[in-house]
């Protein structure tokens, strides 16, 4: 029995080390920029480039332009059910004026052995049909193992825009690492640059369709598509799909007067299931009746 338990423990440690190795290989936060924020985004396969809500602080800062909601939120992501490679996050957004919104986001991935931290401060401004946003991020990745100690840091800027083409169609674009910043240290490793563009189509008040493409430095083009459907008032179902690697996404959400709760799962062809949960609290909504 002890031999079996020891074997399972070694297998678990190997898988955990393997996933950490993948994270290191793919640089900070896997593809250069912090993980998408909120289970709502994960349920839609992270096709969120043209959305305007308080999670825009982590997905496309331009979405904060003209926001009417002051809110706080927290997120938790369990990646592939492995210990030590989870992500926790929190954030706060608020309207500064009728057309200007600002926010703060904080994310931490990993554990004491290997971890990545992203702290971002950004703002979005609405000018007619256009929303423009700018955000500055502090990124840090650290390894604290018995045989290796490493820490690297970087300041990264991101810029986004959203244009309302009609009452049913929005188009968005976003660039992470506008200045092509590098991490500190002798290697001067360049932070990946990520380009995203896509649209949000709202054929009815209950249905929203979104799609986008993303290109990250040295990685293949990725396609994403998501669908959100309000089955009854306040309850929504979500699904989505991505390519390279092909992952399937599913989620649901509840939107109360103040509390918002979202849950999502997604599958990876080799690593299995991931679970995502987020909780938001609306402090004030200027449009609430």
Protein backbone atom coordinates (compact mmCIF):
# COMPACT_ATOMS: atom_id res chain seq x y z
CA UNK A 1 0.00 0.00 0.00
CA UNK A 2 2.86 2.36 0.89
CA UNK A 3 4.59 1.55 -2.40
CA UNK A 4 1.44 2.42 -4.33
CA UNK A 5 1.04 5.67 -2.40
CA UNK A 6 4.68 6.55 -3.05
CA UNK A 7 4.28 5.81 -6.76
CA UNK A 8 1.21 8.05 -7.02
CA UNK A 9 3.06 10.80 -5.18
CA UNK A 10 6.01 10.60 -7.59
CA UNK A 11 3.66 10.67 -10.58
CA UNK A 12 1.89 13.73 -9.18
CA UNK A 13 5.19 15.53 -8.58
CA UNK A 14 6.34 14.66 -12.09
CA UNK A 15 3.15 16.04 -13.65
CA UNK A 16 3.39 19.18 -11.55
CA UNK A 17 7.03 19.67 -12.56
CA UNK A 18 6.08 19.06 -16.19
CA UNK A 19 3.38 21.74 -16.13
CA UNK A 20 5.73 24.20 -14.40
CA UNK A 21 8.32 23.47 -17.10
CA UNK A 22 5.71 24.29 -19.76
CA UNK A 23 4.90 27.56 -17.98
CA UNK A 24 8.60 28.50 -17.85
CA UNK A 25 9.10 27.54 -21.48
CA UNK A 26 6.13 29.64 -22.55
CA UNK A 27 7.49 32.57 -20.50
CA UNK A 28 5.54 34.62 -17.98
CA UNK A 29 1.84 33.81 -17.89
CA UNK A 30 2.16 31.26 -20.69
CA UNK A 31 1.85 33.56 -23.68
CA UNK A 32 3.50 36.77 -22.59
CA UNK A 33 0.56 38.55 -21.00
CA UNK A 34 -1.36 37.80 -17.78
CA UNK A 35 -4.13 35.23 -17.84
CA UNK A 36 -7.60 36.44 -18.94
CA UNK A 37 -9.61 37.76 -16.01
CA UNK A 38 -12.89 36.23 -14.85
CA UNK A 39 -14.79 32.98 -15.32
CA UNK A 40 -17.06 34.88 -17.71
CA UNK A 41 -14.14 35.25 -20.13
CA UNK A 42 -13.07 31.62 -19.74
CA UNK A 43 -16.62 30.42 -20.46
CA UNK A 44 -16.48 32.35 -23.74
CA UNK A 45 -13.07 30.87 -24.69
CA UNK A 46 -11.62 34.31 -23.82
CA UNK A 47 -13.16 35.91 -26.90
CA UNK A 48 -13.67 39.18 -25.02
CA UNK A 49 -11.79 41.76 -27.08
CA UNK A 50 -14.86 43.92 -27.88
CA UNK A 51 -16.66 43.67 -24.50
CA UNK A 52 -17.22 46.58 -22.14
CA UNK A 53 -17.65 45.56 -18.49
CA UNK A 54 -15.62 45.73 -15.28
CA UNK A 55 -13.55 42.68 -16.28
CA UNK A 56 -12.21 44.78 -19.15
CA UNK A 57 -9.40 45.86 -16.81
CA UNK A 58 -7.86 42.44 -17.48
CA UNK A 59 -9.09 41.67 -21.00
CA UNK A 60 -9.17 44.93 -22.99
CA UNK A 61 -8.75 48.09 -20.96
CA UNK A 62 -10.57 50.14 -23.62
CA UNK A 63 -13.79 48.56 -22.31
CA UNK A 64 -13.56 50.81 -19.25
CA UNK A 65 -14.38 53.85 -21.36
CA UNK A 66 -17.83 55.10 -20.36
CA UNK A 67 -18.30 52.40 -17.72
CA UNK A 68 -21.11 53.25 -15.28
CA UNK A 69 -20.29 50.63 -12.63
CA UNK A 70 -17.98 50.82 -9.64
CA UNK A 71 -17.17 47.24 -8.67
CA UNK A 72 -14.71 44.93 -6.97
CA UNK A 73 -14.09 41.34 -8.01
CA UNK A 74 -12.05 38.26 -7.18
CA UNK A 75 -11.15 35.27 -9.34
CA UNK A 76 -9.77 31.76 -8.83
CA UNK A 77 -8.51 29.42 -11.54
CA UNK A 78 -7.57 25.77 -10.94
CA UNK A 79 -5.42 24.72 -13.89
CA UNK A 80 -5.66 21.02 -14.81
CA UNK A 81 -6.35 20.04 -11.17
CA UNK A 82 -2.64 20.18 -10.26
CA UNK A 83 -1.47 21.65 -6.97
CA UNK A 84 0.78 24.68 -7.16
CA UNK A 85 -0.31 26.00 -10.56
CA UNK A 86 -3.47 27.87 -9.62
CA UNK A 87 -4.20 31.53 -10.30
CA UNK A 88 -5.84 33.98 -7.92
CA UNK A 89 -6.77 37.52 -8.80
CA UNK A 90 -8.59 40.59 -7.65
CA UNK A 91 -9.46 43.97 -9.06
CA UNK A 92 -11.34 47.22 -8.71
CA UNK A 93 -12.87 49.52 -11.33
CA UNK A 94 -14.76 52.80 -11.11
CA UNK A 95 -16.11 55.56 -13.35
CA UNK A 96 -14.06 58.75 -13.03
CA UNK A 97 -16.40 60.80 -15.22
CA UNK A 98 -19.16 60.14 -17.73
CA UNK A 99 -16.69 58.98 -20.37
CA UNK A 100 -13.65 57.95 -18.33
CA UNK A 101 -13.17 54.77 -16.29
CA UNK A 102 -10.15 53.43 -14.40
CA UNK A 103 -9.17 50.23 -12.66
CA UNK A 104 -6.57 48.08 -10.91
CA UNK A 105 -5.92 44.35 -11.37
CA UNK A 106 -3.68 41.91 -9.46
CA UNK A 107 -2.93 38.30 -10.42
CA UNK A 108 -0.71 35.60 -8.94
CA UNK A 109 0.05 32.23 -10.53
CA UNK A 110 1.92 29.34 -8.91
CA UNK A 111 3.31 28.68 -5.42
CA UNK A 112 6.52 29.25 -3.43
CA UNK A 113 8.61 27.16 -5.84
CA UNK A 114 7.49 28.89 -9.04
CA UNK A 115 5.22 31.92 -9.26
CA UNK A 116 4.27 34.77 -11.55
CA UNK A 117 2.75 38.09 -10.48
CA UNK A 118 1.07 40.77 -12.57
CA UNK A 119 -0.11 44.12 -11.19
CA UNK A 120 -1.80 46.49 -13.63
CA UNK A 121 -3.24 49.99 -13.53
CA UNK A 122 -5.25 51.29 -16.47
CA UNK A 123 -7.91 53.64 -17.78
CA UNK A 124 -10.31 53.81 -20.71
CA UNK A 125 -11.87 56.86 -22.37
CA UNK A 126 -14.95 57.03 -24.58
CA UNK A 127 -15.06 59.52 -27.45
CA UNK A 128 -18.31 59.21 -29.35
CA UNK A 129 -18.38 55.74 -30.92
CA UNK A 130 -14.77 55.04 -29.92
CA UNK A 131 -13.25 53.73 -26.71
CA UNK A 132 -9.50 53.91 -26.15
CA UNK A 133 -7.56 52.47 -23.24
CA UNK A 134 -4.02 52.33 -21.84
CA UNK A 135 -2.63 50.14 -19.06
CA UNK A 136 0.77 49.68 -17.41
CA UNK A 137 1.71 46.28 -15.94
CA UNK A 138 4.40 45.19 -13.52
CA UNK A 139 5.34 41.57 -14.25
CA UNK A 140 7.49 39.31 -12.11
CA UNK A 141 8.40 35.64 -12.47
CA UNK A 142 10.40 33.80 -9.80
CA UNK A 143 11.79 30.32 -9.18
CA UNK A 144 12.83 29.33 -5.64
CA UNK A 145 14.03 25.74 -5.83
CA UNK A 146 16.83 23.93 -3.98
CA UNK A 147 18.98 23.89 -7.13
CA UNK A 148 17.84 27.10 -8.82
CA UNK A 149 16.86 30.61 -7.78
CA UNK A 150 15.75 33.05 -10.43
CA UNK A 151 13.75 36.26 -10.59
CA UNK A 152 12.93 38.51 -13.53
CA UNK A 153 10.83 41.66 -13.74
CA UNK A 154 9.43 43.94 -16.43
CA UNK A 155 7.23 46.98 -16.96
CA UNK A 156 4.86 46.45 -19.88
CA UNK A 157 2.37 48.77 -21.57
CA UNK A 158 -0.77 47.65 -23.35
CA UNK A 159 -3.16 49.62 -25.57
CA UNK A 160 -6.68 48.82 -26.74
CA UNK A 161 -9.57 50.21 -28.72
CA UNK A 162 -13.25 49.43 -29.28
CA UNK A 163 -15.52 51.01 -31.89
CA UNK A 164 -19.31 50.71 -31.91
CA UNK A 165 -20.28 50.08 -35.53
CA UNK A 166 -24.01 49.74 -34.80
CA UNK A 167 -26.36 48.98 -31.93
CA UNK A 168 -25.65 45.28 -32.49
CA UNK A 169 -21.99 45.19 -33.53
CA UNK A 170 -18.77 46.23 -31.76
CA UNK A 171 -15.24 45.80 -33.06
CA UNK A 172 -12.16 45.67 -30.84
CA UNK A 173 -8.36 45.52 -31.08
CA UNK A 174 -5.64 45.24 -28.47
CA UNK A 175 -1.84 45.16 -28.26
CA UNK A 176 0.11 43.88 -25.27
CA UNK A 177 3.72 45.08 -24.83
CA UNK A 178 3.45 48.10 -27.08
CA UNK A 179 7.05 49.17 -26.34
CA UNK A 180 8.51 45.64 -26.67
CA UNK A 181 9.88 45.67 -23.14
CA UNK A 182 12.37 43.12 -21.82
CA UNK A 183 12.78 41.38 -18.47
CA UNK A 184 15.52 42.47 -16.11
CA UNK A 185 18.71 40.42 -15.91
CA UNK A 186 21.71 39.67 -18.05
CA UNK A 187 19.72 37.74 -20.65
CA UNK A 188 17.40 40.72 -21.31
CA UNK A 189 14.67 38.31 -22.42
CA UNK A 190 12.03 40.16 -24.44
CA UNK A 191 8.44 39.96 -23.21
CA UNK A 192 6.19 38.51 -25.88
CA UNK A 193 4.06 40.93 -27.88
CA UNK A 194 0.43 39.89 -28.36
CA UNK A 195 -1.98 41.30 -30.94
CA UNK A 196 -5.73 40.62 -30.76
CA UNK A 197 -8.68 41.74 -32.86
CA UNK A 198 -12.30 40.67 -33.11
CA UNK A 199 -15.97 41.58 -32.74
CA UNK A 200 -19.03 41.27 -30.53
CA UNK A 201 -22.39 40.71 -32.22
CA UNK A 202 -25.68 41.10 -30.29
CA UNK A 203 -28.55 39.83 -32.47
CA UNK A 204 -30.98 40.10 -29.53
CA UNK A 205 -31.01 41.13 -25.88
CA UNK A 206 -30.56 37.48 -24.84
CA UNK A 207 -27.85 36.35 -27.28
CA UNK A 208 -24.27 37.56 -27.78
CA UNK A 209 -21.73 36.13 -30.22
CA UNK A 210 -18.02 36.97 -30.10
CA UNK A 211 -14.97 35.97 -32.11
CA UNK A 212 -11.36 37.07 -32.30
CA UNK A 213 -7.90 36.18 -33.56
CA UNK A 214 -4.65 36.46 -31.60
CA UNK A 215 -1.02 36.44 -32.68
CA UNK A 216 1.71 36.13 -30.06
CA UNK A 217 5.39 36.48 -30.91
CA UNK A 218 6.86 33.19 -32.19
CA UNK A 219 3.56 31.32 -31.74
CA UNK A 220 0.94 30.31 -34.34
CA UNK A 221 -2.20 32.36 -34.95
CA UNK A 222 -5.02 31.41 -32.56
CA UNK A 223 -8.77 31.66 -33.25
CA UNK A 224 -11.45 32.01 -30.56
CA UNK A 225 -15.23 32.08 -30.62
CA UNK A 226 -17.81 32.34 -27.84
CA UNK A 227 -21.58 32.32 -27.36
CA UNK A 228 -23.59 33.71 -24.43
CA UNK A 229 -27.30 33.04 -23.99
CA UNK A 230 -29.57 34.36 -21.22
CA UNK A 231 -31.86 31.37 -20.61
CA UNK A 232 -33.97 33.22 -18.02
CA UNK A 233 -33.62 36.64 -16.47
CA UNK A 234 -30.29 36.95 -14.59
CA UNK A 235 -29.04 33.45 -15.58
CA UNK A 236 -26.76 32.93 -18.59
CA UNK A 237 -25.09 29.98 -20.28
CA UNK A 238 -21.78 30.29 -22.16
CA UNK A 239 -19.69 28.16 -24.46
CA UNK A 240 -16.68 28.65 -26.71
CA UNK A 241 -13.81 27.06 -28.57
CA UNK A 242 -10.20 27.97 -29.36
CA UNK A 243 -7.57 26.65 -31.73
CA UNK A 244 -3.85 25.92 -31.19
CA UNK A 245 -4.34 24.10 -28.92
CA UNK A 246 -7.99 23.21 -29.46
CA UNK A 247 -9.83 23.72 -26.18
CA UNK A 248 -13.54 23.56 -25.39
CA UNK A 249 -15.12 25.98 -22.92
CA UNK A 250 -18.39 25.96 -20.94
CA UNK A 251 -19.75 28.31 -18.32
CA UNK A 252 -22.73 29.76 -16.50
CA UNK A 253 -23.40 32.97 -14.64
CA UNK A 254 -25.80 34.72 -12.30
CA UNK A 255 -26.20 38.49 -12.19
CA UNK A 256 -27.94 39.86 -9.09
CA UNK A 257 -28.52 43.46 -8.11
CA UNK A 258 -25.10 43.63 -6.49
CA UNK A 259 -23.50 40.18 -6.52
CA UNK A 260 -22.36 38.60 -9.78
CA UNK A 261 -21.17 34.96 -9.83
CA UNK A 262 -19.61 33.08 -12.73
CA UNK A 263 -18.25 29.56 -13.15
CA UNK A 264 -16.51 28.00 -16.14
CA UNK A 265 -14.56 24.92 -17.17
CA UNK A 266 -12.36 24.26 -20.14
CA UNK A 267 -10.61 21.19 -21.50
CA UNK A 268 -7.07 20.79 -22.81
CA UNK A 269 -6.39 17.84 -25.17
CA UNK A 270 -3.37 16.66 -23.15
CA UNK A 271 -3.68 18.17 -19.67
CA UNK A 272 -7.41 17.74 -18.98
CA UNK A 273 -9.87 19.99 -17.15
CA UNK A 274 -9.50 23.46 -15.63
CA UNK A 275 -12.03 25.18 -13.36
CA UNK A 276 -12.64 28.92 -13.06
CA UNK A 277 -14.71 30.86 -10.53
CA UNK A 278 -15.23 34.59 -10.08
CA UNK A 279 -17.29 36.76 -7.78
CA UNK A 280 -18.06 40.43 -8.37
CA UNK A 281 -19.77 43.00 -6.17
CA UNK A 282 -21.23 46.19 -7.64
CA UNK A 283 -20.64 49.11 -5.29
CA UNK A 284 -22.51 51.61 -7.42
CA UNK A 285 -24.22 51.68 -10.81
CA UNK A 286 -25.17 55.06 -12.24
CA UNK A 287 -27.61 53.39 -14.66
CA UNK A 288 -29.45 51.37 -11.99
CA UNK A 289 -33.07 52.30 -11.60
